């Protein structure tokens, strides 16, 4: 079996996408190749087949999603084609689990878009474009700001956390055509002013979680996978009681067995750690791990749930943390310099 890879996107002007080999149990990363094929990629996803990659980027006046061939042995990326995201500041892209469709979110544009994948792995013309309409109470919430677009593991529903509207928008996805339609439940709310950013569904397919950038909290939902419904259960803080500095959450990540959840704080510069109740899906704080350096942006879990990779976007590092399999606590492993890392994915 080949060694696992970690792919990392960089916002440094000429750096593009790095491919690393995860070389040991400490999370040490060895560079396989640096690719400049997609300029300043903010976020990307890997096709379930492993030989294709889709990245969103915003170079100059263009707002693009790029399809690329990926050669695992050499780490080489080769551009297939590009499509417009049809909105300002694209910030999130995901491939559906069947590998037939791609969805993307535009933050400044407050919109979401979907595309079919053709036989070559390229992107067809946009199948659906949906403009979010709404606002909330905060100064950053005068209009819609779609911040992620997460597809359920069965591929039937897609969820867009909209920071400006304080809503998780729910869509039914037809992967064969790449089209989106509003779900039976059009959206789930979070408390006014929370600012939902990233969303994930638990491995048991019965709970879901959204991390709220403005409120510095995580909201837990009961999830009805058959109908695509979300019911808010609880909201819990990501920062210590009494902390009054400026901080905003960024990402959240579950272990593969669903027992532990982690959320990143930029400003407090830490990782909030939670134990997940096996029955209710409720969260119990384990503690908060200080990163020691600024801006933990992106979280990526190793396939075996033993390592958590943290991208420090302003410091220019990928930190690898060991995860205690009994308690969920984190301890430092390896550190790897990467200029302005924004997103990382396993391959």
Protein backbone atom coordinates (compact mmCIF):
# COMPACT_ATOMS: atom_id res chain seq x y z
CA UNK A 1 0.00 0.00 0.00
CA UNK A 2 1.38 3.43 -0.97
CA UNK A 3 2.18 6.00 1.69
CA UNK A 4 -0.58 8.54 2.36
CA UNK A 5 -0.24 11.99 0.82
CA UNK A 6 -1.19 15.41 2.15
CA UNK A 7 -1.97 18.03 -0.49
CA UNK A 8 -1.72 21.67 0.61
CA UNK A 9 -2.82 24.82 -1.23
CA UNK A 10 -0.88 28.05 -0.80
CA UNK A 11 -1.97 31.66 -1.29
CA UNK A 12 1.63 32.75 -1.84
CA UNK A 13 1.67 34.35 -5.28
CA UNK A 14 3.71 31.78 -7.21
CA UNK A 15 3.40 28.67 -5.05
CA UNK A 16 0.11 26.97 -5.99
CA UNK A 17 -0.38 23.45 -4.64
CA UNK A 18 2.12 21.32 -2.72
CA UNK A 19 2.05 17.53 -2.56
CA UNK A 20 3.65 15.94 0.51
CA UNK A 21 4.19 12.37 1.58
CA UNK A 22 3.23 11.64 5.20
CA UNK A 23 6.50 9.96 6.05
CA UNK A 24 6.04 8.69 9.60
CA UNK A 25 3.75 8.39 12.62
CA UNK A 26 4.89 11.83 13.82
CA UNK A 27 3.26 13.48 10.80
CA UNK A 28 6.57 14.43 9.18
CA UNK A 29 5.94 15.70 5.65
CA UNK A 30 8.30 15.09 2.71
CA UNK A 31 7.82 17.23 -0.39
CA UNK A 32 6.90 15.27 -3.51
CA UNK A 33 6.16 18.20 -5.82
CA UNK A 34 5.18 21.86 -5.91
CA UNK A 35 2.65 22.71 -8.65
CA UNK A 36 1.93 26.16 -10.07
CA UNK A 37 -0.91 25.06 -12.33
CA UNK A 38 -3.66 26.86 -10.36
CA UNK A 39 -2.77 30.35 -9.18
CA UNK A 40 -3.45 31.18 -5.51
CA UNK A 41 -5.92 28.37 -4.75
CA UNK A 42 -7.93 29.17 -1.63
CA UNK A 43 -9.64 25.79 -1.29
CA UNK A 44 -9.75 22.48 -3.15
CA UNK A 45 -11.07 18.93 -3.02
CA UNK A 46 -9.86 15.57 -4.28
CA UNK A 47 -12.06 13.33 -6.43
CA UNK A 48 -13.06 10.06 -4.69
CA UNK A 49 -11.11 8.17 -7.36
CA UNK A 50 -7.95 10.00 -6.30
CA UNK A 51 -6.74 11.05 -9.76
CA UNK A 52 -8.54 14.38 -10.09
CA UNK A 53 -8.46 17.61 -8.10
CA UNK A 54 -10.77 20.64 -8.16
CA UNK A 55 -9.65 24.04 -6.83
CA UNK A 56 -11.25 27.45 -6.49
CA UNK A 57 -9.20 30.60 -6.88
CA UNK A 58 -9.69 34.31 -7.44
CA UNK A 59 -6.73 35.65 -9.44
CA UNK A 60 -7.33 39.26 -10.47
CA UNK A 61 -10.76 39.72 -12.00
CA UNK A 62 -11.37 36.01 -12.63
CA UNK A 63 -13.38 33.81 -10.26
CA UNK A 64 -12.59 30.26 -11.25
CA UNK A 65 -12.94 26.62 -10.37
CA UNK A 66 -10.26 24.48 -12.02
CA UNK A 67 -10.31 20.77 -12.84
CA UNK A 68 -6.92 19.01 -12.83
CA UNK A 69 -5.53 15.55 -13.43
CA UNK A 70 -3.46 14.33 -10.46
CA UNK A 71 -0.64 11.82 -10.83
CA UNK A 72 -0.13 10.28 -7.43
CA UNK A 73 3.32 8.84 -8.10
CA UNK A 74 4.91 12.09 -9.27
CA UNK A 75 2.59 14.55 -7.51
CA UNK A 76 2.01 16.33 -10.82
CA UNK A 77 -1.14 18.33 -11.51
CA UNK A 78 -2.24 19.02 -15.09
CA UNK A 79 -5.03 21.46 -15.91
CA UNK A 80 -8.08 20.01 -17.69
CA UNK A 81 -10.34 23.05 -17.82
CA UNK A 82 -11.82 25.92 -15.84
CA UNK A 83 -15.29 27.35 -15.27
CA UNK A 84 -16.44 30.62 -13.74
CA UNK A 85 -17.88 30.44 -10.23
CA UNK A 86 -20.20 33.29 -11.24
CA UNK A 87 -19.64 35.12 -7.95
CA UNK A 88 -17.03 37.12 -6.03
CA UNK A 89 -14.49 35.52 -3.69
CA UNK A 90 -15.06 31.79 -4.20
CA UNK A 91 -14.13 30.14 -0.91
CA UNK A 92 -15.20 26.47 -0.94
CA UNK A 93 -15.46 23.57 -3.38
CA UNK A 94 -16.45 19.93 -2.93
CA UNK A 95 -16.84 16.83 -5.11
CA UNK A 96 -19.87 14.63 -4.54
CA UNK A 97 -19.13 11.11 -3.21
CA UNK A 98 -20.06 9.47 -6.52
CA UNK A 99 -17.58 11.68 -8.36
CA UNK A 100 -20.14 13.04 -10.82
CA UNK A 101 -20.65 16.63 -9.65
CA UNK A 102 -18.85 19.57 -8.04
CA UNK A 103 -20.36 22.34 -5.90
CA UNK A 104 -18.81 25.67 -4.90
CA UNK A 105 -19.60 28.66 -2.67
CA UNK A 106 -18.89 32.35 -3.29
CA UNK A 107 -18.35 34.32 -0.07
CA UNK A 108 -18.62 37.93 -1.25
CA UNK A 109 -21.10 36.94 -3.92
CA UNK A 110 -23.34 35.18 -1.40
CA UNK A 111 -24.10 32.42 -3.87
CA UNK A 112 -23.62 28.73 -4.63
CA UNK A 113 -23.08 26.95 -7.93
CA UNK A 114 -22.91 23.35 -9.17
CA UNK A 115 -21.35 21.61 -12.17
CA UNK A 116 -21.46 18.17 -13.77
CA UNK A 117 -18.15 16.33 -14.23
CA UNK A 118 -17.61 15.02 -17.75
CA UNK A 119 -15.91 11.82 -18.87
CA UNK A 120 -12.45 13.40 -18.90
CA UNK A 121 -12.81 14.73 -15.36
CA UNK A 122 -13.40 18.24 -16.65
CA UNK A 123 -16.18 20.53 -15.51
CA UNK A 124 -19.25 21.14 -17.64
CA UNK A 125 -21.07 24.44 -17.74
CA UNK A 126 -22.74 25.41 -14.46
CA UNK A 127 -25.89 23.33 -13.98
CA UNK A 128 -27.31 25.47 -11.15
CA UNK A 129 -26.56 28.94 -9.78
CA UNK A 130 -28.41 30.08 -6.66
CA UNK A 131 -28.16 33.56 -5.17
CA UNK A 132 -28.72 33.67 -1.41
CA UNK A 133 -30.84 36.58 -0.19
CA UNK A 134 -30.84 37.74 3.42
CA UNK A 135 -28.96 39.33 6.29
CA UNK A 136 -28.64 39.28 10.07
CA UNK A 137 -27.78 41.55 12.98
CA UNK A 138 -23.97 41.87 12.89
CA UNK A 139 -21.87 44.49 11.06
CA UNK A 140 -20.49 41.74 8.78
CA UNK A 141 -23.99 40.41 8.10
CA UNK A 142 -25.61 43.08 5.94
CA UNK A 143 -25.87 40.58 3.07
CA UNK A 144 -25.46 36.88 2.30
CA UNK A 145 -21.98 35.32 2.58
CA UNK A 146 -21.98 31.64 1.59
CA UNK A 147 -18.91 30.22 3.34
CA UNK A 148 -19.01 26.50 2.63
CA UNK A 149 -20.88 23.87 0.64
CA UNK A 150 -20.71 20.42 2.20
CA UNK A 151 -22.20 17.32 0.57
CA UNK A 152 -23.59 14.47 2.71
CA UNK A 153 -21.79 11.14 2.44
CA UNK A 154 -24.70 9.58 0.54
CA UNK A 155 -24.57 12.44 -1.98
CA UNK A 156 -28.27 13.30 -1.70
CA UNK A 157 -28.06 16.65 0.10
CA UNK A 158 -25.70 19.62 0.17
CA UNK A 159 -25.43 22.19 2.97
CA UNK A 160 -24.17 25.76 2.66
CA UNK A 161 -23.27 27.62 5.85
CA UNK A 162 -24.05 31.28 5.15
CA UNK A 163 -22.26 33.62 7.55
CA UNK A 164 -24.26 36.68 6.53
CA UNK A 165 -27.70 35.10 6.97
CA UNK A 166 -27.09 33.00 10.12
CA UNK A 167 -28.44 30.02 8.22
CA UNK A 168 -27.37 26.63 6.95
CA UNK A 169 -29.05 26.40 3.55
CA UNK A 170 -30.17 22.91 2.52
CA UNK A 171 -30.30 21.62 -1.06
CA UNK A 172 -31.13 18.34 -2.74
CA UNK A 173 -28.38 17.29 -5.16
CA UNK A 174 -28.90 15.29 -8.35
CA UNK A 175 -25.33 14.18 -8.98
CA UNK A 176 -26.08 12.72 -12.42
CA UNK A 177 -27.01 16.14 -13.80
CA UNK A 178 -25.13 18.23 -11.24
CA UNK A 179 -28.29 20.17 -10.37
CA UNK A 180 -29.44 21.59 -7.03
CA UNK A 181 -32.97 22.21 -5.78
CA UNK A 182 -34.13 23.57 -2.39
CA UNK A 183 -34.51 20.89 0.26
CA UNK A 184 -37.74 19.95 2.01
CA UNK A 185 -36.35 22.10 4.84
CA UNK A 186 -34.94 25.14 3.04
CA UNK A 187 -32.59 26.10 5.88
CA UNK A 188 -31.68 25.68 9.54
CA UNK A 189 -31.04 28.74 11.70
CA UNK A 190 -28.32 29.47 14.21
CA UNK A 191 -28.66 32.20 16.86
CA UNK A 192 -28.56 35.76 15.46
CA UNK A 193 -25.01 37.08 15.10
CA UNK A 194 -23.26 33.70 15.26
CA UNK A 195 -22.03 33.71 11.63
CA UNK A 196 -21.86 30.04 10.54
CA UNK A 197 -18.70 29.22 8.57
CA UNK A 198 -18.00 25.48 8.07
CA UNK A 199 -20.33 22.49 8.37
CA UNK A 200 -19.79 18.76 8.77
CA UNK A 201 -21.87 15.61 9.26
CA UNK A 202 -20.96 12.93 11.81
CA UNK A 203 -19.92 9.46 10.58
CA UNK A 204 -23.09 7.97 12.12
CA UNK A 205 -25.14 10.17 9.75
CA UNK A 206 -27.38 11.22 12.66
CA UNK A 207 -25.68 14.42 13.85
CA UNK A 208 -24.19 17.48 12.18
CA UNK A 209 -22.13 20.44 13.37
CA UNK A 210 -21.44 23.99 12.20
CA UNK A 211 -18.65 26.21 13.52
CA UNK A 212 -19.68 29.84 13.90
CA UNK A 213 -16.99 32.37 12.96
CA UNK A 214 -18.39 35.48 14.62
CA UNK A 215 -19.83 33.92 17.77
CA UNK A 216 -16.84 31.59 18.35
CA UNK A 217 -19.12 28.62 18.95
CA UNK A 218 -20.07 25.22 17.56
CA UNK A 219 -23.75 24.39 17.02
CA UNK A 220 -24.82 20.73 17.10
CA UNK A 221 -27.81 19.46 15.12
CA UNK A 222 -29.77 16.25 14.95
CA UNK A 223 -29.69 15.17 11.30
CA UNK A 224 -32.38 13.24 9.44
CA UNK A 225 -30.38 11.74 6.57
CA UNK A 226 -33.44 10.36 4.80
CA UNK A 227 -35.12 13.75 4.42
CA UNK A 228 -32.16 16.13 4.77
CA UNK A 229 -33.50 17.81 7.92
CA UNK A 230 -31.54 19.63 10.65
CA UNK A 231 -32.81 20.25 14.19
CA UNK A 232 -30.66 22.44 16.45
CA UNK A 233 -29.61 20.67 19.65
CA UNK A 234 -27.02 22.83 21.41
CA UNK A 235 -24.40 25.56 20.98
CA UNK A 236 -21.08 25.54 22.84
CA UNK A 237 -18.18 27.99 22.98
CA UNK A 238 -14.76 27.42 21.39
CA UNK A 239 -12.83 29.87 23.60
CA UNK A 240 -12.10 30.09 27.35
CA UNK A 241 -14.57 31.82 29.62
CA UNK A 242 -13.57 35.44 30.14
CA UNK A 243 -11.41 35.74 27.03
CA UNK A 244 -12.06 39.20 25.52
CA UNK A 245 -9.51 39.40 22.71
CA UNK A 246 -10.42 39.47 19.03
CA UNK A 247 -10.81 35.96 17.65
CA UNK A 248 -12.74 34.16 14.92
CA UNK A 249 -13.19 30.45 14.33
CA UNK A 250 -12.16 28.87 11.03
CA UNK A 251 -12.61 25.11 10.62
CA UNK A 252 -13.91 22.00 12.35
CA UNK A 253 -13.02 18.34 12.03
CA UNK A 254 -14.28 15.01 13.43
CA UNK A 255 -12.27 11.86 14.02
CA UNK A 256 -13.25 9.02 11.65
CA UNK A 257 -15.01 7.18 14.48
CA UNK A 258 -16.94 10.32 15.43
CA UNK A 259 -15.77 10.30 19.07
CA UNK A 260 -13.92 13.64 19.05
CA UNK A 261 -14.44 17.02 17.37
CA UNK A 262 -11.93 19.85 16.94
CA UNK A 263 -12.39 23.51 16.02
CA UNK A 264 -9.80 26.18 15.22
CA UNK A 265 -9.66 29.70 16.68
CA UNK A 266 -7.79 32.47 14.82
CA UNK A 267 -6.86 35.22 17.28
CA UNK A 268 -6.92 33.04 20.36
CA UNK A 269 -4.76 30.80 18.13
CA UNK A 270 -5.89 27.50 19.51
CA UNK A 271 -7.74 24.26 18.86
CA UNK A 272 -10.91 23.63 20.87
CA UNK A 273 -11.37 19.93 21.67
CA UNK A 274 -14.63 18.10 22.42
CA UNK A 275 -15.80 14.61 23.25
CA UNK A 276 -18.89 13.60 21.25
CA UNK A 277 -21.61 11.71 23.13
CA UNK A 278 -22.14 8.43 21.30
CA UNK A 279 -25.90 8.55 21.71
CA UNK A 280 -27.02 12.17 21.56
CA UNK A 281 -24.12 13.66 19.61
CA UNK A 282 -23.78 16.35 22.28
CA UNK A 283 -20.38 17.96 22.86
CA UNK A 284 -18.38 17.96 26.11
CA UNK A 285 -15.28 20.20 26.20
CA UNK A 286 -11.98 18.36 26.65
CA UNK A 287 -9.82 21.47 26.72
CA UNK A 288 -8.17 24.03 24.45
CA UNK A 289 -4.77 23.40 22.87
CA UNK A 290 -2.75 26.57 22.24
CA UNK A 291 -0.94 26.51 18.89
CA UNK A 292 1.75 28.93 20.04
CA UNK A 293 1.62 30.70 16.66
CA UNK A 294 -1.04 32.70 14.79
CA UNK A 295 -3.95 31.77 12.55
CA UNK A 296 -4.86 28.07 12.60
CA UNK A 297 -6.90 28.10 9.39
CA UNK A 298 -7.60 24.57 8.19
CA UNK A 299 -7.91 21.20 9.95
CA UNK A 300 -7.34 17.81 8.30
CA UNK A 301 -7.61 14.42 9.98
CA UNK A 302 -5.44 11.43 9.04
CA UNK A 303 -7.37 8.42 7.77
CA UNK A 304 -6.63 6.44 10.95
CA UNK A 305 -7.66 9.31 13.25
CA UNK A 306 -4.26 9.46 14.94
CA UNK A 307 -3.01 12.77 13.54
CA UNK A 308 -4.58 16.21 13.14
CA UNK A 309 -2.90 18.52 10.61
CA UNK A 310 -3.32 22.25 11.27
CA UNK A 311 -2.52 24.88 8.62
CA UNK A 312 -1.16 28.13 10.10
CA UNK A 313 -1.94 30.57 7.31
CA UNK A 314 0.04 33.62 8.47
CA UNK A 315 2.97 31.81 10.11
CA UNK A 316 3.45 29.52 7.11
CA UNK A 317 3.46 26.09 8.74
CA UNK A 318 1.61 22.81 8.86
CA UNK A 319 1.50 21.46 12.42
CA UNK A 320 0.90 17.75 13.01
CA UNK A 321 -0.71 16.86 16.35
CA UNK A 322 -0.96 13.39 17.86
CA UNK A 323 -4.48 12.53 19.03
CA UNK A 324 -4.74 10.55 22.26
CA UNK A 325 -7.07 7.72 21.31
CA UNK A 326 -8.56 7.51 24.81
CA UNK A 327 -9.02 11.16 25.73
CA UNK A 328 -8.91 13.04 22.42
CA UNK A 329 -6.21 15.37 23.78
CA UNK A 330 -3.63 16.77 21.36
CA UNK A 331 0.17 16.73 21.61
CA UNK A 332 2.64 18.23 19.15
CA UNK A 333 4.26 16.08 16.48
CA UNK A 334 6.08 17.44 13.44
CA UNK A 335 6.11 20.92 11.89
CA UNK A 336 6.56 21.65 8.18
CA UNK A 337 7.07 25.10 6.59
CA UNK A 338 4.60 25.93 3.79
CA UNK A 339 4.04 29.53 2.60
CA UNK A 340 0.51 30.78 3.44
CA UNK A 341 -1.19 27.37 3.65
CA UNK A 342 -4.97 27.67 3.34
CA UNK A 343 -6.35 24.18 2.76
CA UNK A 344 -5.08 20.62 3.07
CA UNK A 345 -6.57 17.29 2.03
CA UNK A 346 -5.54 13.65 2.18
CA UNK A 347 -4.95 11.72 -1.04
